[in-house]
Amino acid sequence: MKKIALEEHFSGPGFGKYMNVMKGLFEGEILASMEELLSDFDEQRLKAMDEAGIEVSVLSQTAPGLQAEADVVAAVQSARRCNDFLFEQIQRHPSRYRGFACLPMQDPVAAANELERCVRDYKFVGALVNGHTQGVYLDDRSFWPFWEKVQELDVPFYLHPMNPFDEPHVYSGRPELNGAVYSWTCETAAHALRLVFGGVFDDFPGLRVILGHMGEGLPFMLWRLDSRIKATPFAKALKRMPSEVIRRHFVVTTSGACADNPLLCTVSELGEDNVLFSVDYPYESSRIAAEFIENAPFSESIREKLCYKNAERVLRITL
């Protein structure tokens, strides 16, 4: 079955310096092979897509990306260069690739302007940001001009994992918990909940946020989120229960999570229209991801939605 994949990564020129934070999270040889694949837009990437039946990959700058840059001016300049570079790669294979904008969230107004440029001039289908930026989360009121632009452009925003700003004590002495094994899930789920409780979707009701990795665990927590928030003094200030906000404003991908039972739960909780196939290339295998979704216990009509129809709708891509 044909597929669209939308958490598929690359690394632009000059971004390798940010990858130091990944050292220690991957075996040395594995990280080296990943770095090679991240810079490839031709033979290896297209071969993996063809073998998995992926007709279109939406490409995004790999983590930590610009969120690791402390200098605001450098971030603004690098974002523009990265997006120009990505557009050039897409033009070489226009039927196979689309793009998520890389944004300098250090300056929310500059980020809004860069997103508008990418959507208007390059036809990028949205943006992907790698978590917090120097410890500032996206529920901060300084981002309201940015969210206003996202809503105006009517494109989705992909919230991707990032290392915690500071390491929680519970991880100390247990480096195995860091990165994709566990800490990124906790960090990204908490970031998403900051948006929910921070009123972002109340002020910008047209926003649509994408979460990878089967929703970073949130689909399994919806009942408990509602139950426990009602028992707190904060419940009176909420306009909607967390589950309502998440079901209305979030869609999730299967990136890096190839197991039937979590997928069944996610579809049950969020609905068959709000789950989208992805791989997390090159960090995961396109072949394994494709075999998983092809054999998942769903009707063909639901499988079509998961594989490409939902992505066509959310990203306005026509196969």
C-alpha atoms as a PDB file:
ATOM      1  CA  MET A   1       0.000   0.000   0.000  1.00  0.00           C
ATOM      2  CA  LYS A   2       1.272   3.491  -0.803  1.00  0.00           C
ATOM      3  CA  LYS A   3       2.415   5.592   2.133  1.00  0.00           C
ATOM      4  CA  ILE A   4       3.331   9.094   3.240  1.00  0.00           C
ATOM      5  CA  ALA A   5       5.944   9.358   5.985  1.00  0.00           C
ATOM      6  CA  LEU A   6       6.383  12.588   7.933  1.00  0.00           C
ATOM      7  CA  GLU A   7       9.035  12.173  10.592  1.00  0.00           C
ATOM      8  CA  GLU A   8      11.935  11.626   8.245  1.00  0.00           C
ATOM      9  CA  HIS A   9      15.129  13.475   9.023  1.00  0.00           C
ATOM     10  CA  PHE A  10      18.105  15.056   7.309  1.00  0.00           C
ATOM     11  CA  SER A  11      21.007  17.213   8.448  1.00  0.00           C
ATOM     12  CA  GLY A  12      21.784  20.436   6.641  1.00  0.00           C
ATOM     13  CA  PRO A  13      25.236  21.980   6.073  1.00  0.00           C
ATOM     14  CA  GLY A  14      26.677  23.407   9.276  1.00  0.00           C
ATOM     15  CA  PHE A  15      24.293  21.527  11.552  1.00  0.00           C
ATOM     16  CA  GLY A  16      26.706  18.720  12.394  1.00  0.00           C
ATOM     17  CA  LYS A  17      28.130  20.805  15.260  1.00  0.00           C
ATOM     18  CA  TYR A  18      24.844  20.455  17.117  1.00  0.00           C
ATOM     19  CA  MET A  19      24.975  16.671  16.977  1.00  0.00           C
ATOM     20  CA  ASN A  20      27.442  16.451  19.869  1.00  0.00           C
ATOM     21  CA  VAL A  21      24.514  16.065  22.256  1.00  0.00           C
ATOM     22  CA  MET A  22      23.723  12.784  20.521  1.00  0.00           C
ATOM     23  CA  LYS A  23      27.060  11.254  21.419  1.00  0.00           C
ATOM     24  CA  GLY A  24      26.626   8.767  24.200  1.00  0.00           C
ATOM     25  CA  LEU A  25      23.003   8.161  23.207  1.00  0.00           C
ATOM     26  CA  PHE A  26      24.003   5.895  20.307  1.00  0.00           C
ATOM     27  CA  GLU A  27      26.690   3.302  19.749  1.00  0.00           C
ATOM     28  CA  GLY A  28      29.584   4.991  17.920  1.00  0.00           C
ATOM     29  CA  GLU A  29      29.321   2.989  14.694  1.00  0.00           C
ATOM     30  CA  ILE A  30      25.554   3.382  14.615  1.00  0.00           C
ATOM     31  CA  LEU A  31      25.802   7.159  15.026  1.00  0.00           C
ATOM     32  CA  ALA A  32      28.379   7.361  12.235  1.00  0.00           C
ATOM     33  CA  SER A  33      26.096   5.446   9.877  1.00  0.00           C
ATOM     34  CA  MET A  34      23.184   7.705  10.844  1.00  0.00           C
ATOM     35  CA  GLU A  35      25.213  10.819  10.036  1.00  0.00           C
ATOM     36  CA  GLU A  36      25.936   9.421   6.572  1.00  0.00           C
ATOM     37  CA  LEU A  37      22.278   8.664   5.895  1.00  0.00           C
ATOM     38  CA  LEU A  38      21.150  12.057   7.200  1.00  0.00           C
ATOM     39  CA  SER A  39      23.133  13.789   4.470  1.00  0.00           C
ATOM     40  CA  ASP A  40      21.866  11.542   1.657  1.00  0.00           C
ATOM     41  CA  PHE A  41      18.894  12.567  -0.472  1.00  0.00           C
ATOM     42  CA  ASP A  42      19.370  10.183  -3.359  1.00  0.00           C
ATOM     43  CA  GLU A  43      20.314   6.533  -3.644  1.00  0.00           C
ATOM     44  CA  GLN A  44      20.038   5.226  -0.075  1.00  0.00           C
ATOM     45  CA  ARG A  45      17.050   7.272   1.064  1.00  0.00           C
ATOM     46  CA  LEU A  46      15.045   6.726  -2.112  1.00  0.00           C
ATOM     47  CA  LYS A  47      15.853   3.012  -2.095  1.00  0.00           C
ATOM     48  CA  ALA A  48      14.568   2.685   1.476  1.00  0.00           C
ATOM     49  CA  MET A  49      11.410   4.569   0.517  1.00  0.00           C
ATOM     50  CA  ASP A  50      10.801   2.406  -2.550  1.00  0.00           C
ATOM     51  CA  GLU A  51      11.248  -0.831  -0.622  1.00  0.00           C
ATOM     52  CA  ALA A  52       8.745   0.356   1.986  1.00  0.00           C
ATOM     53  CA  GLY A  53       6.181   1.688  -0.483  1.00  0.00           C
ATOM     54  CA  ILE A  54       6.683   5.266   0.717  1.00  0.00           C
ATOM     55  CA  GLU A  55       5.734   7.605  -2.099  1.00  0.00           C
ATOM     56  CA  VAL A  56       6.397  10.858  -0.228  1.00  0.00           C
ATOM     57  CA  SER A  57       8.661  11.681   2.704  1.00  0.00           C
ATOM     58  CA  VAL A  58       8.300  14.967   4.559  1.00  0.00           C
ATOM     59  CA  LEU A  59      11.848  15.944   5.518  1.00  0.00           C
ATOM     60  CA  SER A  60      12.893  17.814   8.658  1.00  0.00           C
ATOM     61  CA  GLN A  61      16.160  18.929  10.226  1.00  0.00           C
ATOM     62  CA  THR A  62      17.231  16.319  12.748  1.00  0.00           C
ATOM     63  CA  ALA A  63      17.427  16.976  16.482  1.00  0.00           C
ATOM     64  CA  PRO A  64      18.631  18.988  18.261  1.00  0.00           C
ATOM     65  CA  GLY A  65      18.838  21.370  15.312  1.00  0.00           C
ATOM     66  CA  LEU A  66      18.600  25.089  15.924  1.00  0.00           C
ATOM     67  CA  GLN A  67      17.139  24.609  19.381  1.00  0.00           C
ATOM     68  CA  ALA A  68      20.740  24.003  20.503  1.00  0.00           C
ATOM     69  CA  GLU A  69      21.900  27.395  19.187  1.00  0.00           C
ATOM     70  CA  ALA A  70      22.334  30.078  21.856  1.00  0.00           C
ATOM     71  CA  ASP A  71      22.976  33.013  19.514  1.00  0.00           C
ATOM     72  CA  VAL A  72      19.758  34.549  18.187  1.00  0.00           C
ATOM     73  CA  VAL A  73      21.280  36.131  15.079  1.00  0.00           C
ATOM     74  CA  ALA A  74      23.073  32.908  14.158  1.00  0.00           C
ATOM     75  CA  ALA A  75      19.841  30.957  14.605  1.00  0.00           C
ATOM     76  CA  VAL A  76      17.890  33.259  12.292  1.00  0.00           C
ATOM     77  CA  GLN A  77      20.564  33.082   9.612  1.00  0.00           C
ATOM     78  CA  SER A  78      21.019  29.317   9.925  1.00  0.00           C
ATOM     79  CA  ALA A  79      17.289  28.661   9.661  1.00  0.00           C
ATOM     80  CA  ARG A  80      17.135  30.502   6.357  1.00  0.00           C
ATOM     81  CA  ARG A  81      20.161  28.648   4.965  1.00  0.00           C
ATOM     82  CA  CYS A  82      18.772  25.298   6.110  1.00  0.00           C
ATOM     83  CA  ASN A  83      15.400  25.892   4.511  1.00  0.00           C
ATOM     84  CA  ASP A  84      16.990  27.111   1.276  1.00  0.00           C
ATOM     85  CA  PHE A  85      19.094  23.943   1.242  1.00  0.00           C
ATOM     86  CA  LEU A  86      16.087  21.707   1.879  1.00  0.00           C
ATOM     87  CA  PHE A  87      14.128  23.380  -0.915  1.00  0.00           C
ATOM     88  CA  GLU A  88      16.999  22.684  -3.307  1.00  0.00           C
ATOM     89  CA  GLN A  89      16.954  18.982  -2.373  1.00  0.00           C
ATOM     90  CA  ILE A  90      13.183  18.789  -2.790  1.00  0.00           C
ATOM     91  CA  GLN A  91      13.448  20.352  -6.245  1.00  0.00           C
ATOM     92  CA  ARG A  92      15.741  17.525  -7.299  1.00  0.00           C
ATOM     93  CA  HIS A  93      13.030  14.963  -6.420  1.00  0.00           C
ATOM     94  CA  PRO A  94       9.815  17.009  -6.331  1.00  0.00           C
ATOM     95  CA  SER A  95       7.463  14.037  -6.515  1.00  0.00           C
ATOM     96  CA  ARG A  96       9.112  12.264  -3.557  1.00  0.00           C
ATOM     97  CA  TYR A  97       9.858  14.942  -0.980  1.00  0.00           C
ATOM     98  CA  ARG A  98       8.087  17.683   0.935  1.00  0.00           C
ATOM     99  CA  GLY A  99       9.496  19.867   3.691  1.00  0.00           C
ATOM    100  CA  PHE A 100       8.927  20.968   7.275  1.00  0.00           C
ATOM    101  CA  ALA A 101      10.459  24.371   7.985  1.00  0.00           C
ATOM    102  CA  CYS A 102      13.388  24.683  10.384  1.00  0.00           C
ATOM    103  CA  LEU A 103      12.666  27.665  12.627  1.00  0.00           C
ATOM    104  CA  PRO A 104      14.670  30.026  14.885  1.00  0.00           C
ATOM    105  CA  MET A 105      12.413  29.917  17.931  1.00  0.00           C
ATOM    106  CA  GLN A 106      14.962  32.086  19.767  1.00  0.00           C
ATOM    107  CA  ASP A 107      13.091  34.960  18.064  1.00  0.00           C
ATOM    108  CA  PRO A 108       9.359  34.148  17.795  1.00  0.00           C
ATOM    109  CA  VAL A 109       8.644  36.925  15.304  1.00  0.00           C
ATOM    110  CA  ALA A 110      11.554  35.875  13.091  1.00  0.00           C
ATOM    111  CA  ALA A 111      10.313  32.277  13.353  1.00  0.00           C
ATOM    112  CA  ALA A 112       6.850  33.363  12.237  1.00  0.00           C
ATOM    113  CA  ASN A 113       8.312  35.255   9.283  1.00  0.00           C
ATOM    114  CA  GLU A 114      10.499  32.331   8.260  1.00  0.00           C
ATOM    115  CA  LEU A 115       7.580  29.924   8.430  1.00  0.00           C
ATOM    116  CA  GLU A 116       5.536  32.245   6.238  1.00  0.00           C
ATOM    117  CA  ARG A 117       8.380  32.458   3.710  1.00  0.00           C
ATOM    118  CA  CYS A 118       8.752  28.691   3.585  1.00  0.00           C
ATOM    119  CA  VAL A 119       5.026  28.029   3.195  1.00  0.00           C
ATOM    120  CA  ARG A 120       4.491  30.839   0.679  1.00  0.00           C
ATOM    121  CA  ASP A 121       7.631  30.543  -1.462  1.00  0.00           C
ATOM    122  CA  TYR A 122       8.691  26.926  -0.999  1.00  0.00           C
ATOM    123  CA  LYS A 123       5.311  25.272  -0.386  1.00  0.00           C
ATOM    124  CA  PHE A 124       6.557  23.594   2.790  1.00  0.00           C
ATOM    125  CA  VAL A 125       3.725  21.750   4.518  1.00  0.00           C
ATOM    126  CA  GLY A 126       4.361  22.995   8.065  1.00  0.00           C
ATOM    127  CA  ALA A 127       7.164  23.174  10.612  1.00  0.00           C
ATOM    128  CA  LEU A 128       9.042  20.834  12.929  1.00  0.00           C
ATOM    129  CA  VAL A 129      10.708  22.149  16.079  1.00  0.00           C
ATOM    130  CA  ASN A 130      12.908  20.076  18.359  1.00  0.00           C
ATOM    131  CA  GLY A 131      11.378  20.807  21.747  1.00  0.00           C
ATOM    132  CA  HIS A 132      12.333  23.716  23.974  1.00  0.00           C
ATOM    133  CA  THR A 133      14.752  26.436  22.892  1.00  0.00           C
ATOM    134  CA  GLN A 134      17.408  27.107  25.521  1.00  0.00           C
ATOM    135  CA  GLY A 135      14.928  26.110  28.215  1.00  0.00           C
ATOM    136  CA  VAL A 136      12.031  28.222  26.958  1.00  0.00           C
ATOM    137  CA  TYR A 137       8.891  26.208  26.217  1.00  0.00           C
ATOM    138  CA  LEU A 138       6.288  26.989  23.609  1.00  0.00           C
ATOM    139  CA  ASP A 139       3.546  27.918  26.071  1.00  0.00           C
ATOM    140  CA  ASP A 140       5.499  31.056  26.940  1.00  0.00           C
ATOM    141  CA  ARG A 141       3.479  34.157  26.025  1.00  0.00           C
ATOM    142  CA  SER A 142       6.357  35.426  23.901  1.00  0.00           C
ATOM    143  CA  PHE A 143       5.356  32.788  21.341  1.00  0.00           C
ATOM    144  CA  TRP A 144       1.844  34.123  20.852  1.00  0.00           C
ATOM    145  CA  PRO A 145       2.808  36.049  17.647  1.00  0.00           C
ATOM    146  CA  PHE A 146       4.273  32.819  16.312  1.00  0.00           C
ATOM    147  CA  TRP A 147       1.184  30.753  17.108  1.00  0.00           C
ATOM    148  CA  GLU A 148      -0.956  33.435  15.512  1.00  0.00           C
ATOM    149  CA  LYS A 149       1.024  33.017  12.283  1.00  0.00           C
ATOM    150  CA  VAL A 150       0.789  29.218  12.391  1.00  0.00           C
ATOM    151  CA  GLN A 151      -2.980  29.491  12.723  1.00  0.00           C
ATOM    152  CA  GLU A 152      -3.168  32.075   9.952  1.00  0.00           C
ATOM    153  CA  LEU A 153      -1.167  29.875   7.567  1.00  0.00           C
ATOM    154  CA  ASP A 154      -3.256  26.851   8.606  1.00  0.00           C
ATOM    155  CA  VAL A 155      -0.349  24.405   8.626  1.00  0.00           C
ATOM    156  CA  PRO A 156       0.499  21.742  11.233  1.00  0.00           C
ATOM    157  CA  PHE A 157       3.284  22.080  13.768  1.00  0.00           C
ATOM    158  CA  TYR A 158       5.359  18.997  14.619  1.00  0.00           C
ATOM    159  CA  LEU A 159       6.672  18.964  18.194  1.00  0.00           C
ATOM    160  CA  HIS A 160       9.728  16.713  18.164  1.00  0.00           C
ATOM    161  CA  PRO A 161      11.756  15.425  21.153  1.00  0.00           C
ATOM    162  CA  MET A 162      14.714  17.206  22.707  1.00  0.00           C
ATOM    163  CA  ASN A 163      16.921  16.590  25.726  1.00  0.00           C
ATOM    164  CA  PRO A 164      15.589  18.053  28.988  1.00  0.00           C
ATOM    165  CA  PHE A 165      16.964  21.505  29.754  1.00  0.00           C
ATOM    166  CA  ASP A 166      18.477  20.110  32.934  1.00  0.00           C
ATOM    167  CA  GLU A 167      18.722  16.456  33.888  1.00  0.00           C
ATOM    168  CA  PRO A 168      16.179  15.336  36.484  1.00  0.00           C
ATOM    169  CA  HIS A 169      17.788  13.672  39.471  1.00  0.00           C
ATOM    170  CA  VAL A 170      15.917  10.445  38.767  1.00  0.00           C
ATOM    171  CA  TYR A 171      18.098   9.927  35.678  1.00  0.00           C
ATOM    172  CA  SER A 172      21.369  10.428  37.554  1.00  0.00           C
ATOM    173  CA  GLY A 173      23.612   7.407  37.427  1.00  0.00           C
ATOM    174  CA  ARG A 174      21.338   5.733  34.888  1.00  0.00           C
ATOM    175  CA  PRO A 175      22.440   7.005  31.447  1.00  0.00           C
ATOM    176  CA  GLU A 176      20.397   4.216  29.865  1.00  0.00           C
ATOM    177  CA  LEU A 177      17.271   6.280  30.564  1.00  0.00           C
ATOM    178  CA  ASN A 178      18.416   9.220  28.472  1.00  0.00           C
ATOM    179  CA  GLY A 179      17.422   9.980  24.898  1.00  0.00           C
ATOM    180  CA  ALA A 180      14.992   7.930  22.870  1.00  0.00           C
ATOM    181  CA  VAL A 181      14.935   5.095  25.409  1.00  0.00           C
ATOM    182  CA  TYR A 182      12.852   7.124  27.854  1.00  0.00           C
ATOM    183  CA  SER A 183      13.716  10.741  28.715  1.00  0.00           C
ATOM    184  CA  TRP A 184      12.709  12.191  25.334  1.00  0.00           C
ATOM    185  CA  THR A 185       9.220  10.734  25.699  1.00  0.00           C
ATOM    186  CA  CYS A 186       8.739  12.280  29.145  1.00  0.00           C
ATOM    187  CA  GLU A 187      10.155  15.619  28.015  1.00  0.00           C
ATOM    188  CA  THR A 188       8.000  15.861  24.890  1.00  0.00           C
ATOM    189  CA  ALA A 189       4.805  14.690  26.590  1.00  0.00           C
ATOM    190  CA  ALA A 190       5.315  17.285  29.320  1.00  0.00           C
ATOM    191  CA  HIS A 191       5.969  19.969  26.686  1.00  0.00           C
ATOM    192  CA  ALA A 192       2.747  19.037  24.888  1.00  0.00           C
ATOM    193  CA  LEU A 193       0.825  19.230  28.175  1.00  0.00           C
ATOM    194  CA  ARG A 194       2.274  22.690  28.799  1.00  0.00           C
ATOM    195  CA  LEU A 195       0.557  23.746  25.564  1.00  0.00           C
ATOM    196  CA  VAL A 196      -2.692  22.140  26.734  1.00  0.00           C
ATOM    197  CA  PHE A 197      -2.704  23.677  30.213  1.00  0.00           C
ATOM    198  CA  GLY A 198      -1.096  26.916  29.050  1.00  0.00           C
ATOM    199  CA  GLY A 199      -4.146  27.920  27.049  1.00  0.00           C
ATOM    200  CA  VAL A 200      -2.452  27.885  23.653  1.00  0.00           C
ATOM    201  CA  PHE A 201      -5.383  26.116  22.017  1.00  0.00           C
ATOM    202  CA  ASP A 202      -7.939  28.322  23.740  1.00  0.00           C
ATOM    203  CA  ASP A 203      -6.396  31.413  22.201  1.00  0.00           C
ATOM    204  CA  PHE A 204      -5.612  29.723  18.874  1.00  0.00           C
ATOM    205  CA  PRO A 205      -8.421  27.236  18.245  1.00  0.00           C
ATOM    206  CA  GLY A 206      -7.278  26.488  14.702  1.00  0.00           C
ATOM    207  CA  LEU A 207      -3.922  24.976  15.684  1.00  0.00           C
ATOM    208  CA  ARG A 208      -3.020  21.388  14.861  1.00  0.00           C
ATOM    209  CA  VAL A 209       0.041  19.848  16.574  1.00  0.00           C
ATOM    210  CA  ILE A 210       1.699  16.579  15.544  1.00  0.00           C
ATOM    211  CA  LEU A 211       3.395  14.272  18.035  1.00  0.00           C
ATOM    212  CA  GLY A 212       5.542  11.319  17.014  1.00  0.00           C
ATOM    213  CA  HIS A 213       6.246   7.966  18.634  1.00  0.00           C
ATOM    214  CA  MET A 214       2.598   7.014  19.065  1.00  0.00           C
ATOM    215  CA  GLY A 215       1.793  10.287  20.802  1.00  0.00           C
ATOM    216  CA  GLU A 216       4.645  10.160  23.347  1.00  0.00           C
ATOM    217  CA  GLY A 217       2.453   8.056  25.666  1.00  0.00           C
ATOM    218  CA  LEU A 218      -0.340  10.628  25.993  1.00  0.00           C
ATOM    219  CA  PRO A 219      -3.099   8.544  24.328  1.00  0.00           C
ATOM    220  CA  PHE A 220      -2.803   6.077  27.217  1.00  0.00           C
ATOM    221  CA  MET A 221      -3.165   8.837  29.821  1.00  0.00           C
ATOM    222  CA  LEU A 222      -6.304  10.690  28.715  1.00  0.00           C
ATOM    223  CA  TRP A 223      -8.730   9.316  31.311  1.00  0.00           C
ATOM    224  CA  ARG A 224      -6.277   9.826  34.152  1.00  0.00           C
ATOM    225  CA  LEU A 225      -5.404  13.359  33.023  1.00  0.00           C
ATOM    226  CA  ASP A 226      -9.074  14.322  33.234  1.00  0.00           C
ATOM    227  CA  SER A 227      -9.659  12.492  36.492  1.00  0.00           C
ATOM    228  CA  ARG A 228      -6.676  13.931  38.345  1.00  0.00           C
ATOM    229  CA  ILE A 229      -6.931  17.500  37.072  1.00  0.00           C
ATOM    230  CA  LYS A 230     -10.484  17.622  38.446  1.00  0.00           C
ATOM    231  CA  ALA A 231      -9.039  16.960  41.892  1.00  0.00           C
ATOM    232  CA  THR A 232      -6.688  19.951  41.746  1.00  0.00           C
ATOM    233  CA  PRO A 233      -7.332  23.650  42.415  1.00  0.00           C
ATOM    234  CA  PHE A 234      -6.401  24.352  38.779  1.00  0.00           C
ATOM    235  CA  ALA A 235      -9.454  22.679  37.272  1.00  0.00           C
ATOM    236  CA  LYS A 236     -11.686  25.750  37.660  1.00  0.00           C
ATOM    237  CA  ALA A 237      -9.512  27.734  35.271  1.00  0.00           C
ATOM    238  CA  LEU A 238      -9.774  25.149  32.460  1.00  0.00           C
ATOM    239  CA  LYS A 239     -12.149  25.793  29.597  1.00  0.00           C
ATOM    240  CA  ARG A 240     -11.921  22.169  28.425  1.00  0.00           C
ATOM    241  CA  MET A 241     -10.702  18.892  29.842  1.00  0.00           C
ATOM    242  CA  PRO A 242      -7.229  17.780  28.679  1.00  0.00           C
ATOM    243  CA  SER A 243      -8.629  14.818  26.745  1.00  0.00           C
ATOM    244  CA  GLU A 244     -10.911  17.101  24.737  1.00  0.00           C
ATOM    245  CA  VAL A 245      -8.048  19.419  23.834  1.00  0.00           C
ATOM    246  CA  ILE A 246      -5.758  16.554  22.854  1.00  0.00           C
ATOM    247  CA  ARG A 247      -8.394  14.812  20.731  1.00  0.00           C
ATOM    248  CA  ARG A 248      -9.292  18.077  19.002  1.00  0.00           C
ATOM    249  CA  HIS A 249      -5.864  19.565  18.383  1.00  0.00           C
ATOM    250  CA  PHE A 250      -3.343  16.730  18.173  1.00  0.00           C
ATOM    251  CA  VAL A 251      -2.572  14.075  15.630  1.00  0.00           C
ATOM    252  CA  VAL A 252       0.120  11.470  16.191  1.00  0.00           C
ATOM    253  CA  THR A 253       2.439   9.375  14.083  1.00  0.00           C
ATOM    254  CA  THR A 254       3.678   5.818  14.402  1.00  0.00           C
ATOM    255  CA  SER A 255       7.323   6.891  14.100  1.00  0.00           C
ATOM    256  CA  GLY A 256       9.615   4.631  16.073  1.00  0.00           C
ATOM    257  CA  ALA A 257       6.772   2.599  17.566  1.00  0.00           C
ATOM    258  CA  CYS A 258       6.039  -0.567  15.615  1.00  0.00           C
ATOM    259  CA  ALA A 259       3.779  -2.585  17.908  1.00  0.00           C
ATOM    260  CA  ASP A 260       0.142  -3.577  17.373  1.00  0.00           C
ATOM    261  CA  ASN A 261      -1.298  -3.067  20.860  1.00  0.00           C
ATOM    262  CA  PRO A 262      -0.080   0.535  21.309  1.00  0.00           C
ATOM    263  CA  LEU A 263      -1.387   1.312  17.820  1.00  0.00           C
ATOM    264  CA  LEU A 264      -4.777  -0.219  18.604  1.00  0.00           C
ATOM    265  CA  CYS A 265      -5.009   1.833  21.800  1.00  0.00           C
ATOM    266  CA  THR A 266      -3.943   5.038  20.045  1.00  0.00           C
ATOM    267  CA  VAL A 267      -6.492   4.631  17.266  1.00  0.00           C
ATOM    268  CA  SER A 268      -9.166   3.791  19.837  1.00  0.00           C
ATOM    269  CA  GLU A 269      -8.405   6.872  21.955  1.00  0.00           C
ATOM    270  CA  LEU A 270      -7.738   9.463  19.232  1.00  0.00           C
ATOM    271  CA  GLY A 271      -9.736   8.061  16.337  1.00  0.00           C
ATOM    272  CA  GLU A 272      -8.763   6.531  13.019  1.00  0.00           C
ATOM    273  CA  ASP A 273      -8.511   9.982  11.401  1.00  0.00           C
ATOM    274  CA  ASN A 274      -5.806  11.215  13.761  1.00  0.00           C
ATOM    275  CA  VAL A 275      -3.039   8.615  13.425  1.00  0.00           C
ATOM    276  CA  LEU A 276      -0.471   8.803  10.613  1.00  0.00           C
ATOM    277  CA  PHE A 277       2.240   6.416   9.452  1.00  0.00           C
ATOM    278  CA  SER A 278       5.874   7.441   9.841  1.00  0.00           C
ATOM    279  CA  VAL A 279       9.274   5.774  10.129  1.00  0.00           C
ATOM    280  CA  ASP A 280      11.706   8.117  11.957  1.00  0.00           C
ATOM    281  CA  TYR A 281      14.279   7.555   9.220  1.00  0.00           C
ATOM    282  CA  PRO A 282      17.195   6.986   9.463  1.00  0.00           C
ATOM    283  CA  TYR A 283      16.937   6.159  13.164  1.00  0.00           C
ATOM    284  CA  GLU A 284      14.440   3.383  12.460  1.00  0.00           C
ATOM    285  CA  SER A 285      14.056   0.887   9.640  1.00  0.00           C
ATOM    286  CA  SER A 286      11.703   1.809   6.802  1.00  0.00           C
ATOM    287  CA  ARG A 287      11.235  -1.887   6.045  1.00  0.00           C
ATOM    288  CA  ILE A 288      10.227  -2.768   9.614  1.00  0.00           C
ATOM    289  CA  ALA A 289       7.851   0.203   9.830  1.00  0.00           C
ATOM    290  CA  ALA A 290       6.220  -0.735   6.534  1.00  0.00           C
ATOM    291  CA  GLU A 291       5.804  -4.392   7.458  1.00  0.00           C
ATOM    292  CA  PHE A 292       4.277  -3.341  10.775  1.00  0.00           C
ATOM    293  CA  ILE A 293       1.619  -1.083   9.286  1.00  0.00           C
ATOM    294  CA  GLU A 294       0.880  -3.491   6.422  1.00  0.00           C
ATOM    295  CA  ASN A 295       0.119  -6.278   8.905  1.00  0.00           C
ATOM    296  CA  ALA A 296      -1.553  -4.307  11.677  1.00  0.00           C
ATOM    297  CA  PRO A 297      -5.022  -5.712  12.548  1.00  0.00           C
ATOM    298  CA  PHE A 298      -7.180  -3.153  10.727  1.00  0.00           C
ATOM    299  CA  SER A 299      -9.556  -3.134   7.796  1.00  0.00           C
ATOM    300  CA  GLU A 300      -8.108  -1.927   4.509  1.00  0.00           C
ATOM    301  CA  SER A 301     -10.142   1.264   4.700  1.00  0.00           C
ATOM    302  CA  ILE A 302      -8.593   2.164   8.070  1.00  0.00           C
ATOM    303  CA  ARG A 303      -5.144   1.095   6.857  1.00  0.00           C
ATOM    304  CA  GLU A 304      -5.477   3.491   3.926  1.00  0.00           C
ATOM    305  CA  LYS A 305      -6.183   6.320   6.356  1.00  0.00           C
ATOM    306  CA  LEU A 306      -3.174   5.477   8.491  1.00  0.00           C
ATOM    307  CA  CYS A 307      -0.828   4.983   5.565  1.00  0.00           C
ATOM    308  CA  TYR A 308      -1.616   8.048   3.487  1.00  0.00           C
ATOM    309  CA  LYS A 309      -5.146   9.461   3.504  1.00  0.00           C
ATOM    310  CA  ASN A 310      -4.842  11.155   6.897  1.00  0.00           C
ATOM    311  CA  ALA A 311      -1.524  12.676   5.868  1.00  0.00           C
ATOM    312  CA  GLU A 312      -3.044  13.868   2.594  1.00  0.00           C
ATOM    313  CA  ARG A 313      -5.690  15.717   4.607  1.00  0.00           C
ATOM    314  CA  VAL A 314      -3.508  17.088   7.393  1.00  0.00           C
ATOM    315  CA  LEU A 315      -0.624  18.143   5.160  1.00  0.00           C
ATOM    316  CA  ARG A 316      -2.606  18.851   1.993  1.00  0.00           C
ATOM    317  CA  ILE A 317      -0.528  16.420  -0.030  1.00  0.00           C
ATOM    318  CA  THR A 318      -2.091  14.679  -2.998  1.00  0.00           C
ATOM    319  CA  LEU A 319      -0.602  11.390  -4.142  1.00  0.00           C
END
